[in-house]
Amino acid sequence: AIVYYPPSPRAMIEVVDPDHPERVVEYGATGRVRLTTLTKEFFMPGFLERDEGEREPPCDAYPWDGISGVGPYRGFAATTTVGVY
């Protein structure tokens, strides 16, 4: 699996229950991505992204949660255009 670990502390993700976004899912479970962004100029707490994936545990190189199996959130995947940014 390809696991993405965001560049902390500028970006932190949580994989949450889509129906209850205040609840973080267990490791290995699928959920929707909630992103917090913090830069010198900008702060966006807890933004629900258009993506979902599996929550991955921290590792030695990245001592915070990661995500794998990322794809469009199934709640509106049929209406989402996927492409390269």
PDB file of N, CA and C in Angstrom:
ATOM      1  N   ALA A   1       0.838  -1.187   0.000  1.00  0.00           N
ATOM      2  CA  ALA A   1       0.000   0.000   0.000  1.00  0.00           C
ATOM      3  C   ALA A   1       0.879   1.246   0.000  1.00  0.00           C
ATOM      4  N   ILE A   2       0.414   2.259  -0.657  1.00  0.00           N
ATOM      5  CA  ILE A   2       1.072   3.564  -0.619  1.00  0.00           C
ATOM      6  C   ILE A   2       0.401   4.368   0.488  1.00  0.00           C
ATOM      7  N   VAL A   3       1.188   4.785   1.456  1.00  0.00           N
ATOM      8  CA  VAL A   3       0.660   5.530   2.597  1.00  0.00           C
ATOM      9  C   VAL A   3       1.159   6.965   2.517  1.00  0.00           C
ATOM     10  N   TYR A   4       0.237   7.908   2.653  1.00  0.00           N
ATOM     11  CA  TYR A   4       0.571   9.325   2.651  1.00  0.00           C
ATOM     12  C   TYR A   4       0.553   9.837   4.081  1.00  0.00           C
ATOM     13  N   TYR A   5       1.650  10.491   4.468  1.00  0.00           N
ATOM     14  CA  TYR A   5       1.733  11.161   5.760  1.00  0.00           C
ATOM     15  C   TYR A   5       1.864  12.651   5.474  1.00  0.00           C
ATOM     16  N   PRO A   6       0.909  13.463   5.903  1.00  0.00           N
ATOM     17  CA  PRO A   6       0.937  14.894   5.585  1.00  0.00           C
ATOM     18  C   PRO A   6       2.125  15.593   6.255  1.00  0.00           C
ATOM     19  N   PRO A   7       2.529  16.742   5.705  1.00  0.00           N
ATOM     20  CA  PRO A   7       3.663  17.480   6.253  1.00  0.00           C
ATOM     21  C   PRO A   7       3.290  18.252   7.520  1.00  0.00           C
ATOM     22  N   SER A   8       3.437  17.599   8.647  1.00  0.00           N
ATOM     23  CA  SER A   8       3.124  18.218   9.931  1.00  0.00           C
ATOM     24  C   SER A   8       4.154  19.302  10.238  1.00  0.00           C
ATOM     25  N   PRO A   9       3.800  20.403  10.847  1.00  0.00           N
ATOM     26  CA  PRO A   9       2.489  20.765  11.370  1.00  0.00           C
ATOM     27  C   PRO A   9       1.638  21.565  10.386  1.00  0.00           C
ATOM     28  N   ARG A  10       2.111  21.766   9.154  1.00  0.00           N
ATOM     29  CA  ARG A  10       1.331  22.564   8.188  1.00  0.00           C
ATOM     30  C   ARG A  10       0.004  21.908   7.833  1.00  0.00           C
ATOM     31  N   ALA A  11      -0.003  20.600   7.776  1.00  0.00           N
ATOM     32  CA  ALA A  11      -1.237  19.882   7.434  1.00  0.00           C
ATOM     33  C   ALA A  11      -1.345  18.656   8.324  1.00  0.00           C
ATOM     34  N   MET A  12      -2.506  18.471   8.885  1.00  0.00           N
ATOM     35  CA  MET A  12      -2.788  17.286   9.691  1.00  0.00           C
ATOM     36  C   MET A  12      -4.120  16.719   9.234  1.00  0.00           C
ATOM     37  N   ILE A  13      -4.180  15.394   9.127  1.00  0.00           N
ATOM     38  CA  ILE A  13      -5.428  14.772   8.706  1.00  0.00           C
ATOM     39  C   ILE A  13      -5.958  13.870   9.811  1.00  0.00           C
ATOM     40  N   GLU A  14      -7.255  13.683   9.760  1.00  0.00           N
ATOM     41  CA  GLU A  14      -7.934  12.686  10.570  1.00  0.00           C
ATOM     42  C   GLU A  14      -8.855  11.946   9.614  1.00  0.00           C
ATOM     43  N   VAL A  15      -8.984  10.649   9.814  1.00  0.00           N
ATOM     44  CA  VAL A  15      -9.923   9.856   9.024  1.00  0.00           C
ATOM     45  C   VAL A  15     -11.123   9.619   9.929  1.00  0.00           C
ATOM     46  N   VAL A  16     -12.253  10.187   9.527  1.00  0.00           N
ATOM     47  CA  VAL A  16     -13.417  10.231  10.410  1.00  0.00           C
ATOM     48  C   VAL A  16     -14.608   9.478   9.817  1.00  0.00           C
ATOM     49  N   ASP A  17     -15.530   9.142  10.690  1.00  0.00           N
ATOM     50  CA  ASP A  17     -16.792   8.525  10.288  1.00  0.00           C
ATOM     51  C   ASP A  17     -17.575   9.542   9.465  1.00  0.00           C
ATOM     52  N   PRO A  18     -17.942   9.213   8.219  1.00  0.00           N
ATOM     53  CA  PRO A  18     -18.646  10.179   7.375  1.00  0.00           C
ATOM     54  C   PRO A  18     -19.971  10.669   7.968  1.00  0.00           C
ATOM     55  N   ASP A  19     -20.646   9.812   8.726  1.00  0.00           N
ATOM     56  CA  ASP A  19     -21.930  10.189   9.317  1.00  0.00           C
ATOM     57  C   ASP A  19     -21.779  10.942  10.634  1.00  0.00           C
ATOM     58  N   HIS A  20     -20.627  10.796  11.268  1.00  0.00           N
ATOM     59  CA  HIS A  20     -20.337  11.450  12.549  1.00  0.00           C
ATOM     60  C   HIS A  20     -18.897  11.956  12.503  1.00  0.00           C
ATOM     61  N   PRO A  21     -18.657  13.073  11.802  1.00  0.00           N
ATOM     62  CA  PRO A  21     -17.287  13.529  11.576  1.00  0.00           C
ATOM     63  C   PRO A  21     -16.516  13.936  12.834  1.00  0.00           C
ATOM     64  N   GLU A  22     -17.152  13.932  13.975  1.00  0.00           N
ATOM     65  CA  GLU A  22     -16.431  14.188  15.216  1.00  0.00           C
ATOM     66  C   GLU A  22     -15.745  12.919  15.728  1.00  0.00           C
ATOM     67  N   ARG A  23     -16.031  11.761  15.106  1.00  0.00           N
ATOM     68  CA  ARG A  23     -15.465  10.472  15.522  1.00  0.00           C
ATOM     69  C   ARG A  23     -14.382  10.010  14.553  1.00  0.00           C
ATOM     70  N   VAL A  24     -13.198   9.781  15.071  1.00  0.00           N
ATOM     71  CA  VAL A  24     -12.099   9.240  14.271  1.00  0.00           C
ATOM     72  C   VAL A  24     -12.290   7.725  14.176  1.00  0.00           C
ATOM     73  N   VAL A  25     -12.086   7.154  12.979  1.00  0.00           N
ATOM     74  CA  VAL A  25     -12.236   5.712  12.793  1.00  0.00           C
ATOM     75  C   VAL A  25     -11.006   4.982  13.321  1.00  0.00           C
ATOM     76  N   GLU A  26     -11.125   3.688  13.512  1.00  0.00           N
ATOM     77  CA  GLU A  26     -10.016   2.848  13.973  1.00  0.00           C
ATOM     78  C   GLU A  26      -8.977   2.698  12.860  1.00  0.00           C
ATOM     79  N   TYR A  27      -7.741   2.332  13.240  1.00  0.00           N
ATOM     80  CA  TYR A  27      -6.711   2.060  12.237  1.00  0.00           C
ATOM     81  C   TYR A  27      -7.172   0.937  11.312  1.00  0.00           C
ATOM     82  N   GLY A  28      -6.967   1.120  10.010  1.00  0.00           N
ATOM     83  CA  GLY A  28      -7.378   0.140   9.017  1.00  0.00           C
ATOM     84  C   GLY A  28      -8.794   0.329   8.511  1.00  0.00           C
ATOM     85  N   ALA A  29      -9.579   1.164   9.197  1.00  0.00           N
ATOM     86  CA  ALA A  29     -10.965   1.406   8.780  1.00  0.00           C
ATOM     87  C   ALA A  29     -11.002   2.551   7.760  1.00  0.00           C
ATOM     88  N   THR A  30     -12.057   2.534   6.946  1.00  0.00           N
ATOM     89  CA  THR A  30     -12.243   3.570   5.932  1.00  0.00           C
ATOM     90  C   THR A  30     -13.114   4.685   6.482  1.00  0.00           C
ATOM     91  N   GLY A  31     -12.754   5.905   6.129  1.00  0.00           N
ATOM     92  CA  GLY A  31     -13.535   7.064   6.534  1.00  0.00           C
ATOM     93  C   GLY A  31     -13.213   8.244   5.643  1.00  0.00           C
ATOM     94  N   ARG A  32     -13.855   9.339   5.929  1.00  0.00           N
ATOM     95  CA  ARG A  32     -13.666  10.567   5.158  1.00  0.00           C
ATOM     96  C   ARG A  32     -12.512  11.376   5.756  1.00  0.00           C
ATOM     97  N   VAL A  33     -11.800  12.085   4.916  1.00  0.00           N
ATOM     98  CA  VAL A  33     -10.644  12.860   5.357  1.00  0.00           C
ATOM     99  C   VAL A  33     -11.080  14.212   5.901  1.00  0.00           C
ATOM    100  N   ARG A  34     -10.610  14.517   7.112  1.00  0.00           N
ATOM    101  CA  ARG A  34     -10.807  15.847   7.702  1.00  0.00           C
ATOM    102  C   ARG A  34      -9.416  16.475   7.825  1.00  0.00           C
ATOM    103  N   LEU A  35      -9.231  17.603   7.168  1.00  0.00           N
ATOM    104  CA  LEU A  35      -7.932  18.254   7.070  1.00  0.00           C
ATOM    105  C   LEU A  35      -7.888  19.533   7.901  1.00  0.00           C
ATOM    106  N   THR A  36      -6.804  19.704   8.631  1.00  0.00           N
ATOM    107  CA  THR A  36      -6.522  20.971   9.299  1.00  0.00           C
ATOM    108  C   THR A  36      -5.244  21.518   8.690  1.00  0.00           C
ATOM    109  N   THR A  37      -5.297  22.753   8.227  1.00  0.00           N
ATOM    110  CA  THR A  37      -4.155  23.416   7.602  1.00  0.00           C
ATOM    111  C   THR A  37      -3.751  24.605   8.455  1.00  0.00           C
ATOM    112  N   LEU A  38      -2.437  24.728   8.681  1.00  0.00           N
ATOM    113  CA  LEU A  38      -1.912  25.844   9.455  1.00  0.00           C
ATOM    114  C   LEU A  38      -0.627  26.334   8.798  1.00  0.00           C
ATOM    115  N   THR A  39      -0.662  27.558   8.318  1.00  0.00           N
ATOM    116  CA  THR A  39       0.534  28.209   7.801  1.00  0.00           C
ATOM    117  C   THR A  39       0.647  29.569   8.472  1.00  0.00           C
ATOM    118  N   LYS A  40       1.686  30.289   8.149  1.00  0.00           N
ATOM    119  CA  LYS A  40       1.873  31.620   8.718  1.00  0.00           C
ATOM    120  C   LYS A  40       0.723  32.552   8.353  1.00  0.00           C
ATOM    121  N   GLU A  41       0.149  32.343   7.160  1.00  0.00           N
ATOM    122  CA  GLU A  41      -0.896  33.233   6.652  1.00  0.00           C
ATOM    123  C   GLU A  41      -2.313  32.683   6.765  1.00  0.00           C
ATOM    124  N   PHE A  42      -2.468  31.395   7.053  1.00  0.00           N
ATOM    125  CA  PHE A  42      -3.783  30.772   6.893  1.00  0.00           C
ATOM    126  C   PHE A  42      -4.003  29.667   7.916  1.00  0.00           C
ATOM    127  N   PHE A  43      -5.225  29.600   8.441  1.00  0.00           N
ATOM    128  CA  PHE A  43      -5.616  28.514   9.344  1.00  0.00           C
ATOM    129  C   PHE A  43      -6.999  28.035   8.950  1.00  0.00           C
ATOM    130  N   MET A  44      -7.118  26.746   8.642  1.00  0.00           N
ATOM    131  CA  MET A  44      -8.405  26.146   8.294  1.00  0.00           C
ATOM    132  C   MET A  44      -8.555  24.874   9.137  1.00  0.00           C
ATOM    133  N   PRO A  45      -9.344  24.924  10.212  1.00  0.00           N
ATOM    134  CA  PRO A  45      -9.495  23.755  11.073  1.00  0.00           C
ATOM    135  C   PRO A  45     -10.602  22.812  10.608  1.00  0.00           C
ATOM    136  N   GLY A  46     -10.295  21.531  10.585  1.00  0.00           N
ATOM    137  CA  GLY A  46     -11.307  20.499  10.401  1.00  0.00           C
ATOM    138  C   GLY A  46     -12.150  20.569   9.152  1.00  0.00           C
ATOM    139  N   PHE A  47     -11.540  20.820   8.002  1.00  0.00           N
ATOM    140  CA  PHE A  47     -12.271  20.886   6.728  1.00  0.00           C
ATOM    141  C   PHE A  47     -12.498  19.477   6.190  1.00  0.00           C
ATOM    142  N   LEU A  48     -13.749  19.104   5.930  1.00  0.00           N
ATOM    143  CA  LEU A  48     -14.050  17.786   5.366  1.00  0.00           C
ATOM    144  C   LEU A  48     -13.721  17.785   3.883  1.00  0.00           C
ATOM    145  N   GLU A  49     -12.768  16.961   3.513  1.00  0.00           N
ATOM    146  CA  GLU A  49     -12.304  16.864   2.134  1.00  0.00           C
ATOM    147  C   GLU A  49     -13.267  16.047   1.282  1.00  0.00           C
ATOM    148  N   ARG A  50     -13.033  16.054  -0.023  1.00  0.00           N
ATOM    149  CA  ARG A  50     -13.843  15.276  -0.959  1.00  0.00           C
ATOM    150  C   ARG A  50     -13.359  13.832  -1.054  1.00  0.00           C
ATOM    151  N   ASP A  51     -12.348  13.473  -0.248  1.00  0.00           N
ATOM    152  CA  ASP A  51     -11.724  12.153  -0.332  1.00  0.00           C
ATOM    153  C   ASP A  51     -12.029  11.296   0.886  1.00  0.00           C
ATOM    154  N   GLU A  52     -11.850   9.994   0.675  1.00  0.00           N
ATOM    155  CA  GLU A  52     -11.905   9.033   1.764  1.00  0.00           C
ATOM    156  C   GLU A  52     -10.747   8.064   1.598  1.00  0.00           C
ATOM    157  N   GLY A  53     -10.443   7.324   2.652  1.00  0.00           N
ATOM    158  CA  GLY A  53      -9.360   6.356   2.597  1.00  0.00           C
ATOM    159  C   GLY A  53      -9.274   5.603   3.909  1.00  0.00           C
ATOM    160  N   GLU A  54      -8.232   4.783   4.032  1.00  0.00           N
ATOM    161  CA  GLU A  54      -8.040   3.979   5.223  1.00  0.00           C
ATOM    162  C   GLU A  54      -7.051   4.671   6.158  1.00  0.00           C
ATOM    163  N   ARG A  55      -7.401   4.731   7.432  1.00  0.00           N
ATOM    164  CA  ARG A  55      -6.518   5.332   8.439  1.00  0.00           C
ATOM    165  C   ARG A  55      -5.335   4.401   8.675  1.00  0.00           C
ATOM    166  N   GLU A  56      -4.131   4.961   8.620  1.00  0.00           N
ATOM    167  CA  GLU A  56      -2.900   4.199   8.823  1.00  0.00           C
ATOM    168  C   GLU A  56      -2.199   4.688  10.092  1.00  0.00           C
ATOM    169  N   PRO A  57      -1.567   3.778  10.823  1.00  0.00           N
ATOM    170  CA  PRO A  57      -0.891   4.176  12.061  1.00  0.00           C
ATOM    171  C   PRO A  57       0.410   4.933  11.794  1.00  0.00           C
ATOM    172  N   PRO A  58       0.889   5.651  12.797  1.00  0.00           N
ATOM    173  CA  PRO A  58       2.185   6.325  12.678  1.00  0.00           C
ATOM    174  C   PRO A  58       3.306   5.312  12.449  1.00  0.00           C
ATOM    175  N   CYS A  59       4.435   5.802  11.971  1.00  0.00           N
ATOM    176  CA  CYS A  59       5.623   4.954  11.792  1.00  0.00           C
ATOM    177  C   CYS A  59       6.826   5.710  12.342  1.00  0.00           C
ATOM    178  N   ASP A  60       8.004   5.103  12.298  1.00  0.00           N
ATOM    179  CA  ASP A  60       9.201   5.740  12.862  1.00  0.00           C
ATOM    180  C   ASP A  60       9.505   7.079  12.200  1.00  0.00           C
ATOM    181  N   ALA A  61       9.392   7.135  10.885  1.00  0.00           N
ATOM    182  CA  ALA A  61       9.719   8.369  10.158  1.00  0.00           C
ATOM    183  C   ALA A  61       8.654   9.446  10.328  1.00  0.00           C
ATOM    184  N   TYR A  62       7.402   9.024  10.524  1.00  0.00           N
ATOM    185  CA  TYR A  62       6.280   9.958  10.631  1.00  0.00           C
ATOM    186  C   TYR A  62       5.433   9.566  11.841  1.00  0.00           C
ATOM    187  N   PRO A  63       5.657  10.207  12.993  1.00  0.00           N
ATOM    188  CA  PRO A  63       4.949   9.809  14.215  1.00  0.00           C
ATOM    189  C   PRO A  63       3.546  10.404  14.336  1.00  0.00           C
ATOM    190  N   TRP A  64       2.806  10.407  13.228  1.00  0.00           N
ATOM    191  CA  TRP A  64       1.411  10.835  13.218  1.00  0.00           C
ATOM    192  C   TRP A  64       0.675   9.985  12.197  1.00  0.00           C
ATOM    193  N   ASP A  65      -0.655  10.037  12.222  1.00  0.00           N
ATOM    194  CA  ASP A  65      -1.472   9.199  11.339  1.00  0.00           C
ATOM    195  C   ASP A  65      -1.234   9.498   9.859  1.00  0.00           C
ATOM    196  N   GLY A  66      -1.402   8.454   9.071  1.00  0.00           N
ATOM    197  CA  GLY A  66      -1.352   8.585   7.628  1.00  0.00           C
ATOM    198  C   GLY A  66      -2.634   8.050   7.018  1.00  0.00           C
ATOM    199  N   ILE A  67      -2.652   7.979   5.689  1.00  0.00           N
ATOM    200  CA  ILE A  67      -3.828   7.494   4.973  1.00  0.00           C
ATOM    201  C   ILE A  67      -3.397   6.727   3.733  1.00  0.00           C
ATOM    202  N   SER A  68      -4.144   5.690   3.387  1.00  0.00           N
ATOM    203  CA  SER A  68      -3.890   4.917   2.175  1.00  0.00           C
ATOM    204  C   SER A  68      -5.214   4.660   1.462  1.00  0.00           C
ATOM    205  N   GLY A  69      -5.120   4.147   0.238  1.00  0.00           N
ATOM    206  CA  GLY A  69      -6.333   3.817  -0.509  1.00  0.00           C
ATOM    207  C   GLY A  69      -7.237   5.004  -0.746  1.00  0.00           C
ATOM    208  N   VAL A  70      -6.663   6.154  -1.016  1.00  0.00           N
ATOM    209  CA  VAL A  70      -7.444   7.386  -1.161  1.00  0.00           C
ATOM    210  C   VAL A  70      -8.241   7.392  -2.462  1.00  0.00           C
ATOM    211  N   GLY A  71      -9.482   7.825  -2.365  1.00  0.00           N
ATOM    212  CA  GLY A  71     -10.368   7.957  -3.522  1.00  0.00           C
ATOM    213  C   GLY A  71     -11.477   8.935  -3.197  1.00  0.00           C
ATOM    214  N   PRO A  72     -12.312   9.230  -4.173  1.00  0.00           N
ATOM    215  CA  PRO A  72     -13.429  10.161  -3.932  1.00  0.00           C
ATOM    216  C   PRO A  72     -14.365   9.615  -2.850  1.00  0.00           C
ATOM    217  N   TYR A  73     -14.835  10.495  -2.005  1.00  0.00           N
ATOM    218  CA  TYR A  73     -15.795  10.123  -0.960  1.00  0.00           C
ATOM    219  C   TYR A  73     -17.050   9.559  -1.610  1.00  0.00           C
ATOM    220  N   ARG A  74     -17.440   8.383  -1.173  1.00  0.00           N
ATOM    221  CA  ARG A  74     -18.561   7.664  -1.812  1.00  0.00           C
ATOM    222  C   ARG A  74     -19.891   8.410  -1.727  1.00  0.00           C
ATOM    223  N   GLY A  75     -20.001   9.367  -0.790  1.00  0.00           N
ATOM    224  CA  GLY A  75     -21.236  10.134  -0.637  1.00  0.00           C
ATOM    225  C   GLY A  75     -21.575  10.963  -1.860  1.00  0.00           C
ATOM    226  N   PHE A  76     -20.557  11.328  -2.628  1.00  0.00           N
ATOM    227  CA  PHE A  76     -20.815  12.049  -3.874  1.00  0.00           C
ATOM    228  C   PHE A  76     -19.806  11.678  -4.957  1.00  0.00           C
ATOM    229  N   ALA A  77     -19.285  10.453  -4.916  1.00  0.00           N
ATOM    230  CA  ALA A  77     -18.291   9.995  -5.884  1.00  0.00           C
ATOM    231  C   ALA A  77     -18.819  10.033  -7.328  1.00  0.00           C
ATOM    232  N   ALA A  78     -20.095   9.744  -7.521  1.00  0.00           N
ATOM    233  CA  ALA A  78     -20.656   9.708  -8.874  1.00  0.00           C
ATOM    234  C   ALA A  78     -20.644  11.076  -9.536  1.00  0.00           C
ATOM    235  N   THR A  79     -20.649  12.141  -8.741  1.00  0.00           N
ATOM    236  CA  THR A  79     -20.682  13.492  -9.310  1.00  0.00           C
ATOM    237  C   THR A  79     -19.318  14.192  -9.252  1.00  0.00           C
ATOM    238  N   THR A  80     -18.287  13.456  -8.815  1.00  0.00           N
ATOM    239  CA  THR A  80     -16.952  14.045  -8.670  1.00  0.00           C
ATOM    240  C   THR A  80     -16.080  13.697  -9.866  1.00  0.00           C
ATOM    241  N   THR A  81     -15.410  14.694 -10.417  1.00  0.00           N
ATOM    242  CA  THR A  81     -14.444  14.486 -11.492  1.00  0.00           C
ATOM    243  C   THR A  81     -13.084  14.275 -10.862  1.00  0.00           C
ATOM    244  N   VAL A  82     -12.433  13.167 -11.230  1.00  0.00           N
ATOM    245  CA  VAL A  82     -11.117  12.847 -10.698  1.00  0.00           C
ATOM    246  C   VAL A  82     -10.083  13.178 -11.754  1.00  0.00           C
ATOM    247  N   GLY A  83      -9.027  13.859 -11.349  1.00  0.00           N
ATOM    248  CA  GLY A  83      -7.971  14.207 -12.294  1.00  0.00           C
ATOM    249  C   GLY A  83      -6.698  14.569 -11.561  1.00  0.00           C
ATOM    250  N   VAL A  84      -5.738  15.056 -12.292  1.00  0.00           N
ATOM    251  CA  VAL A  84      -4.458  15.458 -11.728  1.00  0.00           C
ATOM    252  C   VAL A  84      -4.508  16.946 -11.439  1.00  0.00           C
ATOM    253  N   TYR A  85      -4.028  17.314 -10.279  1.00  0.00           N
ATOM    254  CA  TYR A  85      -4.037  18.720  -9.888  1.00  0.00           C
ATOM    255  C   TYR A  85      -2.841  19.440 -10.454  1.00  0.00           C
TER     256      TYR A  85
END
